[in-house]
């Protein structure tokens, strides 16, 4: 599980773009969104850096905190 804060995530369009970006690198990932607090939790077999790269490429550069 990796948690990200995504300051630029503000709406449903952002949620869709983030979902598309992350499922492109791991089609089986699970993503929990907290839109109000600009946070997501990702359950994936990819490394946090791979997820950061995908989010950044999609225009949503995150900050990261691993749990």
PDB file of N, CA and C in Angstrom:
ATOM      1  N   UNK A   1       0.846  -1.172   0.000  1.00  0.00           N
ATOM      2  CA  UNK A   1       0.000   0.000   0.000  1.00  0.00           C
ATOM      3  C   UNK A   1       0.891   1.234   0.000  1.00  0.00           C
ATOM      4  N   UNK A   2       0.568   2.181  -0.853  1.00  0.00           N
ATOM      5  CA  UNK A   2       1.293   3.442  -0.911  1.00  0.00           C
ATOM      6  C   UNK A   2       0.286   4.575  -0.913  1.00  0.00           C
ATOM      7  N   UNK A   3       0.545   5.575  -0.103  1.00  0.00           N
ATOM      8  CA  UNK A   3      -0.323   6.741  -0.047  1.00  0.00           C
ATOM      9  C   UNK A   3       0.355   7.910  -0.749  1.00  0.00           C
ATOM     10  N   UNK A   4      -0.447   8.650  -1.492  1.00  0.00           N
ATOM     11  CA  UNK A   4       0.041   9.827  -2.192  1.00  0.00           C
ATOM     12  C   UNK A   4      -0.853  11.005  -1.873  1.00  0.00           C
ATOM     13  N   UNK A   5      -0.256  12.164  -1.799  1.00  0.00           N
ATOM     14  CA  UNK A   5      -1.010  13.409  -1.802  1.00  0.00           C
ATOM     15  C   UNK A   5      -0.817  14.008  -3.183  1.00  0.00           C
ATOM     16  N   UNK A   6      -1.932  14.358  -3.811  1.00  0.00           N
ATOM     17  CA  UNK A   6      -1.890  14.899  -5.171  1.00  0.00           C
ATOM     18  C   UNK A   6      -2.571  16.266  -5.127  1.00  0.00           C
ATOM     19  N   UNK A   7      -1.783  17.314  -4.932  1.00  0.00           N
ATOM     20  CA  UNK A   7      -2.362  18.655  -4.769  1.00  0.00           C
ATOM     21  C   UNK A   7      -3.247  19.093  -5.929  1.00  0.00           C
ATOM     22  N   UNK A   8      -2.958  18.647  -7.151  1.00  0.00           N
ATOM     23  CA  UNK A   8      -3.724  19.080  -8.323  1.00  0.00           C
ATOM     24  C   UNK A   8      -4.995  18.273  -8.563  1.00  0.00           C
ATOM     25  N   UNK A   9      -5.289  17.285  -7.740  1.00  0.00           N
ATOM     26  CA  UNK A   9      -6.490  16.463  -7.901  1.00  0.00           C
ATOM     27  C   UNK A   9      -7.668  17.191  -7.259  1.00  0.00           C
ATOM     28  N   UNK A  10      -8.601  17.653  -8.107  1.00  0.00           N
ATOM     29  CA  UNK A  10      -9.696  18.465  -7.581  1.00  0.00           C
ATOM     30  C   UNK A  10     -11.090  18.026  -8.007  1.00  0.00           C
ATOM     31  N   UNK A  11     -11.190  17.080  -8.972  1.00  0.00           N
ATOM     32  CA  UNK A  11     -12.518  16.769  -9.503  1.00  0.00           C
ATOM     33  C   UNK A  11     -12.583  15.339 -10.044  1.00  0.00           C
ATOM     34  N   UNK A  12     -13.760  14.989 -10.526  1.00  0.00           N
ATOM     35  CA  UNK A  12     -13.959  13.664 -11.088  1.00  0.00           C
ATOM     36  C   UNK A  12     -13.114  13.399 -12.318  1.00  0.00           C
ATOM     37  N   UNK A  13     -12.860  14.428 -13.122  1.00  0.00           N
ATOM     38  CA  UNK A  13     -11.984  14.253 -14.283  1.00  0.00           C
ATOM     39  C   UNK A  13     -10.592  13.838 -13.818  1.00  0.00           C
ATOM     40  N   UNK A  14     -10.103  14.453 -12.762  1.00  0.00           N
ATOM     41  CA  UNK A  14      -8.791  14.106 -12.209  1.00  0.00           C
ATOM     42  C   UNK A  14      -8.778  12.641 -11.756  1.00  0.00           C
ATOM     43  N   UNK A  15      -9.838  12.223 -11.101  1.00  0.00           N
ATOM     44  CA  UNK A  15      -9.936  10.838 -10.636  1.00  0.00           C
ATOM     45  C   UNK A  15      -9.837   9.880 -11.820  1.00  0.00           C
ATOM     46  N   UNK A  16     -10.531  10.206 -12.909  1.00  0.00           N
ATOM     47  CA  UNK A  16     -10.482   9.361 -14.102  1.00  0.00           C
ATOM     48  C   UNK A  16      -9.097   9.307 -14.717  1.00  0.00           C
ATOM     49  N   UNK A  17      -8.446  10.452 -14.810  1.00  0.00           N
ATOM     50  CA  UNK A  17      -7.105  10.501 -15.402  1.00  0.00           C
ATOM     51  C   UNK A  17      -6.097   9.746 -14.536  1.00  0.00           C
ATOM     52  N   UNK A  18      -6.226   9.874 -13.237  1.00  0.00           N
ATOM     53  CA  UNK A  18      -5.327   9.164 -12.316  1.00  0.00           C
ATOM     54  C   UNK A  18      -5.577   7.660 -12.402  1.00  0.00           C
ATOM     55  N   UNK A  19      -6.830   7.270 -12.445  1.00  0.00           N
ATOM     56  CA  UNK A  19      -7.166   5.850 -12.582  1.00  0.00           C
ATOM     57  C   UNK A  19      -6.578   5.289 -13.872  1.00  0.00           C
ATOM     58  N   UNK A  20      -6.741   6.007 -14.970  1.00  0.00           N
ATOM     59  CA  UNK A  20      -6.197   5.558 -16.249  1.00  0.00           C
ATOM     60  C   UNK A  20      -4.676   5.419 -16.187  1.00  0.00           C
ATOM     61  N   UNK A  21      -4.012   6.395 -15.579  1.00  0.00           N
ATOM     62  CA  UNK A  21      -2.545   6.375 -15.500  1.00  0.00           C
ATOM     63  C   UNK A  21      -2.045   5.189 -14.686  1.00  0.00           C
ATOM     64  N   UNK A  22      -2.694   4.937 -13.567  1.00  0.00           N
ATOM     65  CA  UNK A  22      -2.215   3.858 -12.694  1.00  0.00           C
ATOM     66  C   UNK A  22      -2.573   2.480 -13.232  1.00  0.00           C
ATOM     67  N   UNK A  23      -3.750   2.344 -13.827  1.00  0.00           N
ATOM     68  CA  UNK A  23      -4.104   1.030 -14.373  1.00  0.00           C
ATOM     69  C   UNK A  23      -3.311   0.720 -15.634  1.00  0.00           C
ATOM     70  N   UNK A  24      -2.724   1.733 -16.256  1.00  0.00           N
ATOM     71  CA  UNK A  24      -1.862   1.486 -17.409  1.00  0.00           C
ATOM     72  C   UNK A  24      -0.573   0.781 -17.000  1.00  0.00           C
ATOM     73  N   UNK A  25      -0.112   1.015 -15.773  1.00  0.00           N
ATOM     74  CA  UNK A  25       1.108   0.347 -15.298  1.00  0.00           C
ATOM     75  C   UNK A  25       0.805  -0.892 -14.459  1.00  0.00           C
ATOM     76  N   UNK A  26      -0.413  -0.978 -13.914  1.00  0.00           N
ATOM     77  CA  UNK A  26      -0.831  -2.156 -13.147  1.00  0.00           C
ATOM     78  C   UNK A  26      -2.347  -2.281 -13.264  1.00  0.00           C
ATOM     79  N   UNK A  27      -2.782  -3.110 -14.194  1.00  0.00           N
ATOM     80  CA  UNK A  27      -4.219  -3.221 -14.454  1.00  0.00           C
ATOM     81  C   UNK A  27      -5.001  -3.768 -13.270  1.00  0.00           C
ATOM     82  N   UNK A  28      -4.312  -4.380 -12.300  1.00  0.00           N
ATOM     83  CA  UNK A  28      -4.989  -4.943 -11.137  1.00  0.00           C
ATOM     84  C   UNK A  28      -4.879  -4.085  -9.889  1.00  0.00           C
ATOM     85  N   UNK A  29      -4.366  -2.876 -10.028  1.00  0.00           N
ATOM     86  CA  UNK A  29      -4.219  -2.034  -8.836  1.00  0.00           C
ATOM     87  C   UNK A  29      -5.593  -1.607  -8.323  1.00  0.00           C
ATOM     88  N   UNK A  30      -5.630  -1.330  -7.026  1.00  0.00           N
ATOM     89  CA  UNK A  30      -6.836  -0.819  -6.388  1.00  0.00           C
ATOM     90  C   UNK A  30      -6.501   0.561  -5.848  1.00  0.00           C
ATOM     91  N   UNK A  31      -7.388   1.510  -6.097  1.00  0.00           N
ATOM     92  CA  UNK A  31      -7.145   2.890  -5.721  1.00  0.00           C
ATOM     93  C   UNK A  31      -8.310   3.399  -4.882  1.00  0.00           C
ATOM     94  N   UNK A  32      -7.993   3.948  -3.724  1.00  0.00           N
ATOM     95  CA  UNK A  32      -8.995   4.594  -2.886  1.00  0.00           C
ATOM     96  C   UNK A  32      -8.743   6.094  -2.955  1.00  0.00           C
ATOM     97  N   UNK A  33      -9.784   6.856  -3.273  1.00  0.00           N
ATOM     98  CA  UNK A  33      -9.666   8.300  -3.446  1.00  0.00           C
ATOM     99  C   UNK A  33     -10.277   9.051  -2.273  1.00  0.00           C
ATOM    100  N   UNK A  34      -9.573  10.067  -1.807  1.00  0.00           N
ATOM    101  CA  UNK A  34     -10.086  11.038  -0.840  1.00  0.00           C
ATOM    102  C   UNK A  34      -9.928  12.398  -1.515  1.00  0.00           C
ATOM    103  N   UNK A  35     -10.911  12.747  -2.333  1.00  0.00           N
ATOM    104  CA  UNK A  35     -10.827  13.944  -3.159  1.00  0.00           C
ATOM    105  C   UNK A  35     -10.726  15.206  -2.310  1.00  0.00           C
ATOM    106  N   UNK A  36     -11.467  15.250  -1.213  1.00  0.00           N
ATOM    107  CA  UNK A  36     -11.476  16.431  -0.356  1.00  0.00           C
ATOM    108  C   UNK A  36     -10.084  16.761   0.178  1.00  0.00           C
ATOM    109  N   UNK A  37      -9.327  15.714   0.541  1.00  0.00           N
ATOM    110  CA  UNK A  37      -7.986  15.911   1.101  1.00  0.00           C
ATOM    111  C   UNK A  37      -6.873  15.711   0.082  1.00  0.00           C
ATOM    112  N   UNK A  38      -7.245  15.525  -1.188  1.00  0.00           N
ATOM    113  CA  UNK A  38      -6.271  15.366  -2.279  1.00  0.00           C
ATOM    114  C   UNK A  38      -5.351  14.167  -2.054  1.00  0.00           C
ATOM    115  N   UNK A  39      -5.905  13.068  -1.540  1.00  0.00           N
ATOM    116  CA  UNK A  39      -5.093  11.893  -1.248  1.00  0.00           C
ATOM    117  C   UNK A  39      -5.648  10.657  -1.933  1.00  0.00           C
ATOM    118  N   UNK A  40      -4.708   9.759  -2.288  1.00  0.00           N
ATOM    119  CA  UNK A  40      -5.096   8.442  -2.781  1.00  0.00           C
ATOM    120  C   UNK A  40      -4.269   7.386  -2.057  1.00  0.00           C
ATOM    121  N   UNK A  41      -4.839   6.212  -1.955  1.00  0.00           N
ATOM    122  CA  UNK A  41      -4.143   5.044  -1.445  1.00  0.00           C
ATOM    123  C   UNK A  41      -4.159   4.015  -2.564  1.00  0.00           C
ATOM    124  N   UNK A  42      -2.977   3.512  -2.910  1.00  0.00           N
ATOM    125  CA  UNK A  42      -2.858   2.580  -4.030  1.00  0.00           C
ATOM    126  C   UNK A  42      -2.342   1.240  -3.525  1.00  0.00           C
ATOM    127  N   UNK A  43      -3.066   0.189  -3.856  1.00  0.00           N
ATOM    128  CA  UNK A  43      -2.635  -1.180  -3.587  1.00  0.00           C
ATOM    129  C   UNK A  43      -2.173  -1.734  -4.924  1.00  0.00           C
ATOM    130  N   UNK A  44      -0.863  -1.957  -5.053  1.00  0.00           N
ATOM    131  CA  UNK A  44      -0.299  -2.355  -6.336  1.00  0.00           C
ATOM    132  C   UNK A  44       0.942  -3.195  -6.117  1.00  0.00           C
ATOM    133  N   UNK A  45       1.262  -4.016  -7.119  1.00  0.00           N
ATOM    134  CA  UNK A  45       2.511  -4.779  -7.066  1.00  0.00           C
ATOM    135  C   UNK A  45       3.652  -4.012  -7.726  1.00  0.00           C
ATOM    136  N   UNK A  46       3.395  -2.796  -8.188  1.00  0.00           N
ATOM    137  CA  UNK A  46       4.438  -1.938  -8.751  1.00  0.00           C
ATOM    138  C   UNK A  46       5.125  -1.161  -7.633  1.00  0.00           C
ATOM    139  N   UNK A  47       6.347  -0.719  -7.912  1.00  0.00           N
ATOM    140  CA  UNK A  47       7.085   0.054  -6.906  1.00  0.00           C
ATOM    141  C   UNK A  47       6.464   1.446  -6.787  1.00  0.00           C
ATOM    142  N   UNK A  48       6.647   2.073  -5.624  1.00  0.00           N
ATOM    143  CA  UNK A  48       6.155   3.451  -5.484  1.00  0.00           C
ATOM    144  C   UNK A  48       6.718   4.374  -6.572  1.00  0.00           C
ATOM    145  N   UNK A  49       7.972   4.181  -6.953  1.00  0.00           N
ATOM    146  CA  UNK A  49       8.549   5.049  -7.985  1.00  0.00           C
ATOM    147  C   UNK A  49       7.864   4.860  -9.335  1.00  0.00           C
ATOM    148  N   UNK A  50       7.495   3.624  -9.673  1.00  0.00           N
ATOM    149  CA  UNK A  50       6.770   3.392 -10.922  1.00  0.00           C
ATOM    150  C   UNK A  50       5.425   4.111 -10.906  1.00  0.00           C
ATOM    151  N   UNK A  51       4.776   4.110  -9.754  1.00  0.00           N
ATOM    152  CA  UNK A  51       3.495   4.793  -9.622  1.00  0.00           C
ATOM    153  C   UNK A  51       3.679   6.303  -9.712  1.00  0.00           C
ATOM    154  N   UNK A  52       4.713   6.820  -9.058  1.00  0.00           N
ATOM    155  CA  UNK A  52       5.025   8.251  -9.134  1.00  0.00           C
ATOM    156  C   UNK A  52       5.282   8.651 -10.580  1.00  0.00           C
ATOM    157  N   UNK A  53       6.045   7.840 -11.290  1.00  0.00           N
ATOM    158  CA  UNK A  53       6.344   8.145 -12.693  1.00  0.00           C
ATOM    159  C   UNK A  53       5.071   8.214 -13.532  1.00  0.00           C
ATOM    160  N   UNK A  54       4.160   7.272 -13.313  1.00  0.00           N
ATOM    161  CA  UNK A  54       2.909   7.252 -14.067  1.00  0.00           C
ATOM    162  C   UNK A  54       2.050   8.475 -13.743  1.00  0.00           C
ATOM    163  N   UNK A  55       1.966   8.813 -12.471  1.00  0.00           N
ATOM    164  CA  UNK A  55       1.176   9.976 -12.066  1.00  0.00           C
ATOM    165  C   UNK A  55       1.770  11.275 -12.611  1.00  0.00           C
ATOM    166  N   UNK A  56       3.076  11.387 -12.533  1.00  0.00           N
ATOM    167  CA  UNK A  56       3.753  12.585 -13.021  1.00  0.00           C
ATOM    168  C   UNK A  56       3.569  12.732 -14.531  1.00  0.00           C
ATOM    169  N   UNK A  57       3.707  11.632 -15.261  1.00  0.00           N
ATOM    170  CA  UNK A  57       3.526  11.666 -16.715  1.00  0.00           C
ATOM    171  C   UNK A  57       2.100  12.080 -17.086  1.00  0.00           C
ATOM    172  N   UNK A  58       1.141  11.747 -16.220  1.00  0.00           N
ATOM    173  CA  UNK A  58      -0.260  12.093 -16.482  1.00  0.00           C
ATOM    174  C   UNK A  58      -0.585  13.533 -16.071  1.00  0.00           C
ATOM    175  N   UNK A  59       0.388  14.223 -15.471  1.00  0.00           N
ATOM    176  CA  UNK A  59       0.162  15.612 -15.070  1.00  0.00           C
ATOM    177  C   UNK A  59      -0.277  15.789 -13.638  1.00  0.00           C
ATOM    178  N   UNK A  60      -0.118  14.751 -12.826  1.00  0.00           N
ATOM    179  CA  UNK A  60      -0.520  14.792 -11.424  1.00  0.00           C
ATOM    180  C   UNK A  60       0.644  14.394 -10.517  1.00  0.00           C
ATOM    181  N   UNK A  61       1.692  15.212 -10.457  1.00  0.00           N
ATOM    182  CA  UNK A  61       2.852  14.855  -9.635  1.00  0.00           C
ATOM    183  C   UNK A  61       2.469  14.788  -8.151  1.00  0.00           C
ATOM    184  N   UNK A  62       2.760  13.652  -7.518  1.00  0.00           N
ATOM    185  CA  UNK A  62       2.358  13.464  -6.123  1.00  0.00           C
ATOM    186  C   UNK A  62       3.497  13.704  -5.149  1.00  0.00           C
ATOM    187  N   UNK A  63       3.108  13.780  -3.894  1.00  0.00           N
ATOM    188  CA  UNK A  63       4.048  13.592  -2.805  1.00  0.00           C
ATOM    189  C   UNK A  63       3.719  12.209  -2.260  1.00  0.00           C
ATOM    190  N   UNK A  64       4.663  11.587  -1.594  1.00  0.00           N
ATOM    191  CA  UNK A  64       4.521  10.176  -1.215  1.00  0.00           C
ATOM    192  C   UNK A  64       4.796   9.971   0.261  1.00  0.00           C
ATOM    193  N   UNK A  65       4.054   9.051   0.859  1.00  0.00           N
ATOM    194  CA  UNK A  65       4.367   8.563   2.201  1.00  0.00           C
ATOM    195  C   UNK A  65       4.051   7.082   2.223  1.00  0.00           C
ATOM    196  N   UNK A  66       5.058   6.275   2.486  1.00  0.00           N
ATOM    197  CA  UNK A  66       4.868   4.819   2.456  1.00  0.00           C
ATOM    198  C   UNK A  66       4.427   4.314   3.806  1.00  0.00           C
ATOM    199  N   UNK A  67       3.497   3.353   3.787  1.00  0.00           N
ATOM    200  CA  UNK A  67       3.039   2.690   5.018  1.00  0.00           C
ATOM    201  C   UNK A  67       3.285   1.215   4.905  1.00  0.00           C
TER     202      UNK A  67
END
